[in-house]
Amino acid sequence: MKKLLITRVLPDANLETARARYDVTVRESTEGLTVAEAQEALASYDAILPTLGDQFVKEAFAGDIRCGVLANFGVGYNHIDVDAARGAGVAVSNTPDVVTDATADIGMTLILSACRRAGEGERLVRADRWGGWGPTQMLGTHVTGKTVGIVGMGRIGQAVARRCHYGFDMPVLFFNRSRKKVDFPARQLDSLADLMGQADIVVVTVPGGGANTQLIDADALASMKPSGIFINIARGDVVDEDALIAALEGQQIAGAGLDVFAKEPHVPPRLRALENAVLLPHLGTAALEVRAAMGQMALDNIVAWDEGHPLPQAV
């Protein structure tokens, strides 16, 4: 029986399925594997089901390799050096599609919460500081009809854009490095700066790592309208977090909604102190049926590798 390492606790249905076929070790820790732990795991297990935070960087592949597949739990895999894995003969897969709608829903949650100051309002009520309704109380940004700008028009970007267009009558702009045709009204802009400047609400959905690291920097944020709302449901490393904090502190932009952070689970105290930032603990796919579907997809890729078939979701 092949040895399988699952680096975080998964839904019960996934663990039962895995244990029916493999000798399974499940890490109870919520902390990701360090580089040394990832290197040891590659030498000790036939297959690994990793996720965000596990440091499968180039150095982790330097020793003996027993593992044949890294079936990542999640669509993002910037914590895995795919080139180093391939060079070591380790196949890599991820879990696209099943995460699309759930992540787009969180995008809409953040848009509405940041625009309408929902987080700030809830804190006011819970602290018993609400003095009653008034015509000018906590005025926020009306969402319907505002222009949304999508940075990265992949599956998730398109899902957010559809919700904005069909649900809230929002004109859609998008920036994508390659030309992209979509099946709903949307206009592609040639530069990130143009998109940041023209949109009322900017939603980032690009993959993390590589050329996208700190794609949203101080210059990009400076292009936004003072009334602009910034939303990140991609990866924390896509944004220069210090620059974003400065823009929010200086009221250079009106607000932000973030589901991801540069050094999770650490969130800078300056960011936590901001009333004009809505902060969620990486809830993008946090629905049981979605997480179970992700786990099953990862296991399906491991079984395909085990049986000598191409990985269905190879990256």
Protein backbone atom coordinates (compact mmCIF):
# COMPACT_ATOMS: atom_id res chain seq x y z
CA MET A 1 0.00 0.00 0.00
CA LYS A 2 1.47 3.35 -1.05
CA LYS A 3 2.14 6.01 1.57
CA LEU A 4 0.19 9.26 1.25
CA LEU A 5 0.82 12.43 3.25
CA ILE A 6 -2.08 14.88 3.62
CA THR A 7 -0.62 18.10 5.01
CA ARG A 8 -3.82 19.47 6.60
CA VAL A 9 -6.98 17.91 7.99
CA LEU A 10 -9.53 17.49 5.18
CA PRO A 11 -13.28 16.82 5.36
CA ASP A 12 -14.14 13.38 6.75
CA ALA A 13 -15.39 12.08 3.40
CA ASN A 14 -11.99 12.81 1.81
CA LEU A 15 -10.08 11.10 4.60
CA GLU A 16 -12.28 8.00 4.41
CA THR A 17 -11.76 7.79 0.65
CA ALA A 18 -8.00 8.21 1.00
CA ARG A 19 -7.65 5.62 3.79
CA ALA A 20 -9.57 3.04 1.78
CA ARG A 21 -6.74 2.96 -0.75
CA TYR A 22 -3.57 4.32 0.85
CA ASP A 23 -1.51 4.27 4.02
CA VAL A 24 -2.43 7.79 5.07
CA THR A 25 -0.67 10.23 7.38
CA VAL A 26 -2.59 13.41 8.19
CA ARG A 27 -0.81 16.38 9.76
CA GLU A 28 -2.90 17.95 12.51
CA SER A 29 -1.00 21.26 12.42
CA THR A 30 -2.46 24.29 10.67
CA GLU A 31 1.06 25.52 9.91
CA GLY A 32 2.49 24.76 6.48
CA LEU A 33 5.46 22.48 5.94
CA THR A 34 8.82 24.19 6.25
CA VAL A 35 11.38 23.67 3.49
CA ALA A 36 13.12 21.02 5.59
CA GLU A 37 9.82 19.25 6.31
CA ALA A 38 8.84 19.37 2.64
CA GLN A 39 12.21 17.87 1.68
CA GLU A 40 11.74 15.09 4.24
CA ALA A 41 8.21 14.43 3.01
CA LEU A 42 9.38 14.11 -0.59
CA ALA A 43 11.85 11.46 0.54
CA SER A 44 9.37 9.57 2.73
CA TYR A 45 6.04 9.41 0.90
CA ASP A 46 4.86 8.08 -2.46
CA ALA A 47 2.27 10.84 -2.85
CA ILE A 48 1.59 14.13 -1.10
CA LEU A 49 -1.59 16.19 -0.94
CA PRO A 50 -0.25 19.66 -0.01
CA THR A 51 -1.89 23.06 0.18
CA LEU A 52 -1.18 26.76 0.68
CA GLY A 53 1.76 27.42 2.97
CA ASP A 54 3.66 24.19 2.31
CA GLN A 55 7.12 25.23 1.16
CA PHE A 56 7.81 23.02 -1.84
CA VAL A 57 10.38 25.48 -3.14
CA LYS A 58 13.40 24.58 -5.25
CA GLU A 59 15.55 23.65 -2.25
CA ALA A 60 13.00 21.07 -1.09
CA PHE A 61 13.73 18.95 -4.18
CA ALA A 62 17.48 18.79 -3.57
CA GLY A 63 17.57 15.45 -1.74
CA ASP A 64 16.33 11.93 -2.41
CA ILE A 65 12.88 11.85 -3.98
CA ARG A 66 10.42 9.05 -3.34
CA CYS A 67 7.28 11.08 -4.06
CA GLY A 68 5.77 10.87 -7.53
CA VAL A 69 2.93 13.38 -7.27
CA LEU A 70 1.99 16.60 -5.48
CA ALA A 71 -1.81 16.84 -5.77
CA ASN A 72 -2.34 20.37 -4.51
CA PHE A 73 -5.49 21.23 -2.56
CA GLY A 74 -6.39 24.59 -4.10
CA VAL A 75 -6.27 26.28 -7.45
CA GLY A 76 -3.25 28.42 -6.48
CA TYR A 77 0.11 26.63 -6.40
CA ASN A 78 2.67 29.42 -6.04
CA HIS A 79 4.01 27.57 -2.96
CA ILE A 80 5.24 24.80 -5.30
CA ASP A 81 8.21 25.24 -7.63
CA VAL A 82 6.66 23.39 -10.56
CA ASP A 83 9.85 23.45 -12.64
CA ALA A 84 11.86 21.95 -9.79
CA ALA A 85 9.18 19.31 -9.28
CA ARG A 86 9.22 18.33 -12.94
CA GLY A 87 13.00 18.18 -12.90
CA ALA A 88 12.77 15.75 -9.99
CA GLY A 89 10.13 13.64 -11.76
CA VAL A 90 7.27 14.77 -9.52
CA ALA A 91 3.93 15.48 -11.19
CA VAL A 92 1.86 18.42 -9.93
CA SER A 93 -1.89 19.03 -10.10
CA ASN A 94 -4.34 21.54 -8.64
CA THR A 95 -8.10 21.91 -8.15
CA PRO A 96 -9.55 24.43 -10.62
CA ASP A 97 -13.24 24.80 -11.56
CA VAL A 98 -14.65 23.54 -8.24
CA VAL A 99 -13.41 26.69 -6.47
CA THR A 100 -14.67 29.21 -9.02
CA ASP A 101 -18.14 30.06 -7.79
CA ALA A 102 -17.29 29.98 -4.08
CA THR A 103 -14.34 32.34 -4.58
CA ALA A 104 -16.40 34.66 -6.78
CA ASP A 105 -19.09 34.74 -4.08
CA ILE A 106 -16.50 35.88 -1.53
CA GLY A 107 -15.46 38.54 -4.03
CA MET A 108 -19.01 39.84 -4.06
CA THR A 109 -19.17 39.64 -0.25
CA LEU A 110 -16.11 41.87 -0.05
CA ILE A 111 -17.38 44.30 -2.69
CA LEU A 112 -20.64 44.81 -0.83
CA SER A 113 -19.04 44.86 2.61
CA ALA A 114 -16.31 47.35 1.69
CA CYS A 115 -18.58 49.62 -0.32
CA ARG A 116 -21.37 49.68 2.26
CA ARG A 117 -19.02 49.73 5.30
CA ALA A 118 -20.62 46.56 6.67
CA GLY A 119 -17.66 45.51 8.80
CA GLU A 120 -17.40 48.94 10.35
CA GLY A 121 -21.14 49.01 10.98
CA GLU A 122 -21.16 45.62 12.68
CA ARG A 123 -18.30 46.66 14.96
CA LEU A 124 -20.28 49.77 15.86
CA VAL A 125 -23.34 47.74 16.85
CA ARG A 126 -21.36 45.08 18.76
CA ALA A 127 -19.52 47.76 20.72
CA ASP A 128 -22.87 49.37 21.68
CA ARG A 129 -21.76 52.63 20.09
CA TRP A 130 -24.61 53.01 17.60
CA GLY A 131 -26.59 56.15 18.29
CA GLY A 132 -29.51 55.39 15.97
CA TRP A 133 -30.40 55.89 12.32
CA GLY A 134 -29.77 59.22 10.61
CA PRO A 135 -29.82 60.49 7.02
CA THR A 136 -26.05 60.90 6.89
CA GLN A 137 -25.06 57.95 9.08
CA MET A 138 -22.15 55.86 7.69
CA LEU A 139 -22.60 56.82 4.07
CA GLY A 140 -20.83 54.37 1.81
CA THR A 141 -20.53 53.62 -1.90
CA HIS A 142 -23.59 52.58 -3.90
CA VAL A 143 -22.71 49.39 -5.78
CA THR A 144 -25.36 49.06 -8.50
CA GLY A 145 -24.23 50.68 -11.73
CA LYS A 146 -20.63 51.27 -10.66
CA THR A 147 -17.81 50.28 -13.03
CA VAL A 148 -15.91 47.18 -11.94
CA GLY A 149 -12.38 46.47 -13.12
CA ILE A 150 -11.20 42.85 -13.10
CA VAL A 151 -7.45 42.20 -12.95
CA GLY A 152 -7.02 38.72 -14.47
CA MET A 153 -9.93 37.45 -16.55
CA GLY A 154 -9.62 33.73 -15.86
CA ARG A 155 -12.37 31.50 -14.49
CA ILE A 156 -12.75 33.37 -11.22
CA GLY A 157 -12.42 36.79 -12.80
CA GLN A 158 -15.15 35.96 -15.28
CA ALA A 159 -17.39 34.60 -12.52
CA VAL A 160 -17.03 37.84 -10.56
CA ALA A 161 -17.64 39.90 -13.69
CA ARG A 162 -20.83 37.98 -14.53
CA ARG A 163 -22.17 38.55 -11.03
CA CYS A 164 -21.38 42.24 -11.29
CA HIS A 165 -22.87 42.66 -14.76
CA TYR A 166 -26.01 40.55 -14.46
CA GLY A 167 -26.67 41.05 -10.76
CA PHE A 168 -25.72 44.70 -10.25
CA ASP A 169 -25.86 46.23 -13.74
CA MET A 170 -22.18 47.14 -13.52
CA PRO A 171 -20.12 47.99 -16.61
CA VAL A 172 -17.14 45.60 -16.74
CA LEU A 173 -13.57 46.51 -17.62
CA PHE A 174 -10.71 44.05 -17.42
CA PHE A 175 -6.95 43.81 -17.74
CA ASN A 176 -5.40 40.54 -18.88
CA ARG A 177 -1.90 39.97 -20.23
CA SER A 178 -3.27 37.97 -23.17
CA ARG A 179 -6.25 38.84 -25.30
CA LYS A 180 -9.43 37.33 -23.92
CA LYS A 181 -12.92 36.95 -25.37
CA VAL A 182 -15.82 36.55 -22.97
CA ASP A 183 -19.49 35.76 -23.50
CA PHE A 184 -20.88 38.84 -21.72
CA PRO A 185 -20.41 42.58 -22.15
CA ALA A 186 -16.90 43.56 -21.04
CA ARG A 187 -14.10 45.75 -22.39
CA GLN A 188 -10.43 44.80 -22.22
CA LEU A 189 -7.98 47.61 -21.48
CA ASP A 190 -4.37 47.60 -22.61
CA SER A 191 -2.75 48.62 -19.35
CA LEU A 192 -3.17 47.99 -15.64
CA ALA A 193 -2.90 51.72 -14.95
CA ASP A 194 -5.83 52.45 -17.27
CA LEU A 195 -7.97 49.87 -15.51
CA MET A 196 -7.04 51.08 -12.02
CA GLY A 197 -7.85 54.65 -13.04
CA GLN A 198 -11.17 54.02 -14.75
CA ALA A 199 -12.80 51.51 -12.40
CA ASP A 200 -14.80 52.40 -9.32
CA ILE A 201 -14.14 48.96 -7.85
CA VAL A 202 -11.02 46.91 -8.66
CA VAL A 203 -11.07 43.13 -8.10
CA VAL A 204 -7.82 41.16 -8.33
CA THR A 205 -8.11 37.49 -9.36
CA VAL A 206 -4.72 36.67 -10.94
CA PRO A 207 -2.61 33.66 -9.86
CA GLY A 208 0.00 34.37 -7.20
CA GLY A 209 3.77 34.25 -7.54
CA GLY A 210 6.06 34.78 -10.50
CA ALA A 211 5.48 37.89 -12.57
CA ASN A 212 2.37 38.69 -10.53
CA THR A 213 4.31 39.24 -7.29
CA GLN A 214 3.44 42.78 -6.12
CA LEU A 215 1.68 43.44 -9.41
CA ILE A 216 -0.47 45.87 -7.44
CA ASP A 217 2.20 48.28 -6.22
CA ALA A 218 2.22 51.90 -5.06
CA ASP A 219 2.03 53.19 -8.64
CA ALA A 220 -0.99 51.01 -9.45
CA LEU A 221 -2.79 52.13 -6.30
CA ALA A 222 -1.94 55.76 -7.06
CA SER A 223 -3.84 55.37 -10.34
CA MET A 224 -7.10 54.63 -8.52
CA LYS A 225 -9.83 57.17 -7.89
CA PRO A 226 -10.00 58.61 -4.34
CA SER A 227 -13.44 57.00 -4.18
CA GLY A 228 -12.07 53.65 -5.40
CA ILE A 229 -12.57 50.34 -3.62
CA PHE A 230 -9.87 47.67 -3.88
CA ILE A 231 -10.66 43.95 -3.53
CA ASN A 232 -8.15 41.06 -3.42
CA ILE A 233 -9.33 37.44 -3.68
CA ALA A 234 -6.17 36.25 -5.47
CA ARG A 235 -3.05 35.72 -3.33
CA GLY A 236 -1.53 38.05 -0.79
CA ASP A 237 1.79 38.32 -2.62
CA VAL A 238 0.06 39.93 -5.60
CA VAL A 239 -0.20 43.16 -3.59
CA ASP A 240 2.47 45.38 -2.07
CA GLU A 241 0.84 45.24 1.35
CA ASP A 242 2.77 48.19 2.76
CA ALA A 243 1.73 50.34 -0.19
CA LEU A 244 -1.90 49.33 0.25
CA ILE A 245 -1.82 50.14 3.96
CA ALA A 246 -0.34 53.56 3.19
CA ALA A 247 -3.02 54.23 0.57
CA LEU A 248 -5.77 53.33 3.04
CA GLU A 249 -4.24 55.25 5.94
CA GLY A 250 -3.84 58.34 3.77
CA GLN A 251 -7.35 57.98 2.32
CA GLN A 252 -5.79 57.83 -1.12
CA ILE A 253 -8.50 55.27 -1.83
CA ALA A 254 -11.82 54.86 -0.06
CA GLY A 255 -11.56 51.28 1.11
CA ALA A 256 -10.45 47.70 0.58
CA GLY A 257 -11.73 44.17 1.04
CA LEU A 258 -9.14 41.43 1.50
CA ASP A 259 -9.48 37.67 1.81
CA VAL A 260 -5.73 37.01 1.47
CA PHE A 261 -2.56 38.47 2.97
CA ALA A 262 1.13 38.55 2.15
CA LYS A 263 2.32 36.50 5.14
CA GLU A 264 -0.69 34.47 6.25
CA PRO A 265 -1.82 34.04 8.95
CA HIS A 266 0.01 37.22 10.02
CA VAL A 267 -1.97 40.36 9.30
CA PRO A 268 -0.09 43.60 10.05
CA PRO A 269 -1.41 45.55 13.04
CA ARG A 270 -1.63 48.71 10.90
CA LEU A 271 -3.97 46.90 8.53
CA ARG A 272 -6.08 45.45 11.35
CA ALA A 273 -6.47 48.93 12.81
CA LEU A 274 -8.04 50.38 9.65
CA GLU A 275 -11.80 50.96 9.71
CA ASN A 276 -11.87 51.26 5.91
CA ALA A 277 -10.60 47.70 5.38
CA VAL A 278 -12.75 44.58 5.47
CA LEU A 279 -10.57 41.60 6.41
CA LEU A 280 -11.56 37.95 6.02
CA PRO A 281 -9.49 34.88 7.06
CA HIS A 282 -9.05 33.35 3.59
CA LEU A 283 -12.66 32.19 3.28
CA GLY A 284 -12.68 31.96 -0.53
CA THR A 285 -13.57 28.27 -0.72
CA ALA A 286 -14.76 27.79 2.86
CA ALA A 287 -17.94 25.84 2.24
CA LEU A 288 -18.06 22.15 3.14
CA GLU A 289 -19.29 20.94 -0.23
CA VAL A 290 -16.63 22.99 -2.01
CA ARG A 291 -13.78 21.81 0.21
CA ALA A 292 -14.95 18.19 -0.11
CA ALA A 293 -15.03 18.56 -3.90
CA MET A 294 -11.52 20.00 -3.83
CA GLY A 295 -10.29 17.10 -1.75
CA GLN A 296 -11.89 14.56 -4.05
CA MET A 297 -10.36 16.22 -7.10
CA ALA A 298 -6.92 16.11 -5.50
CA LEU A 299 -7.41 12.42 -4.65
CA ASP A 300 -8.59 11.70 -8.20
CA ASN A 301 -5.30 13.09 -9.47
CA ILE A 302 -3.36 10.88 -7.06
CA VAL A 303 -5.30 7.81 -8.19
CA ALA A 304 -4.68 8.72 -11.84
CA TRP A 305 -0.94 8.96 -11.13
CA ASP A 306 -1.06 5.67 -9.20
CA GLU A 307 -2.72 3.91 -12.15
CA GLY A 308 -0.31 5.36 -14.68
CA HIS A 309 -2.79 7.74 -16.29
CA PRO A 310 -2.27 11.45 -17.10
CA LEU A 311 -3.28 13.73 -14.27
CA PRO A 312 -6.71 15.23 -15.05
CA GLN A 313 -5.74 18.60 -13.57
CA ALA A 314 -2.00 18.63 -14.28
CA VAL A 315 -0.25 22.00 -14.07
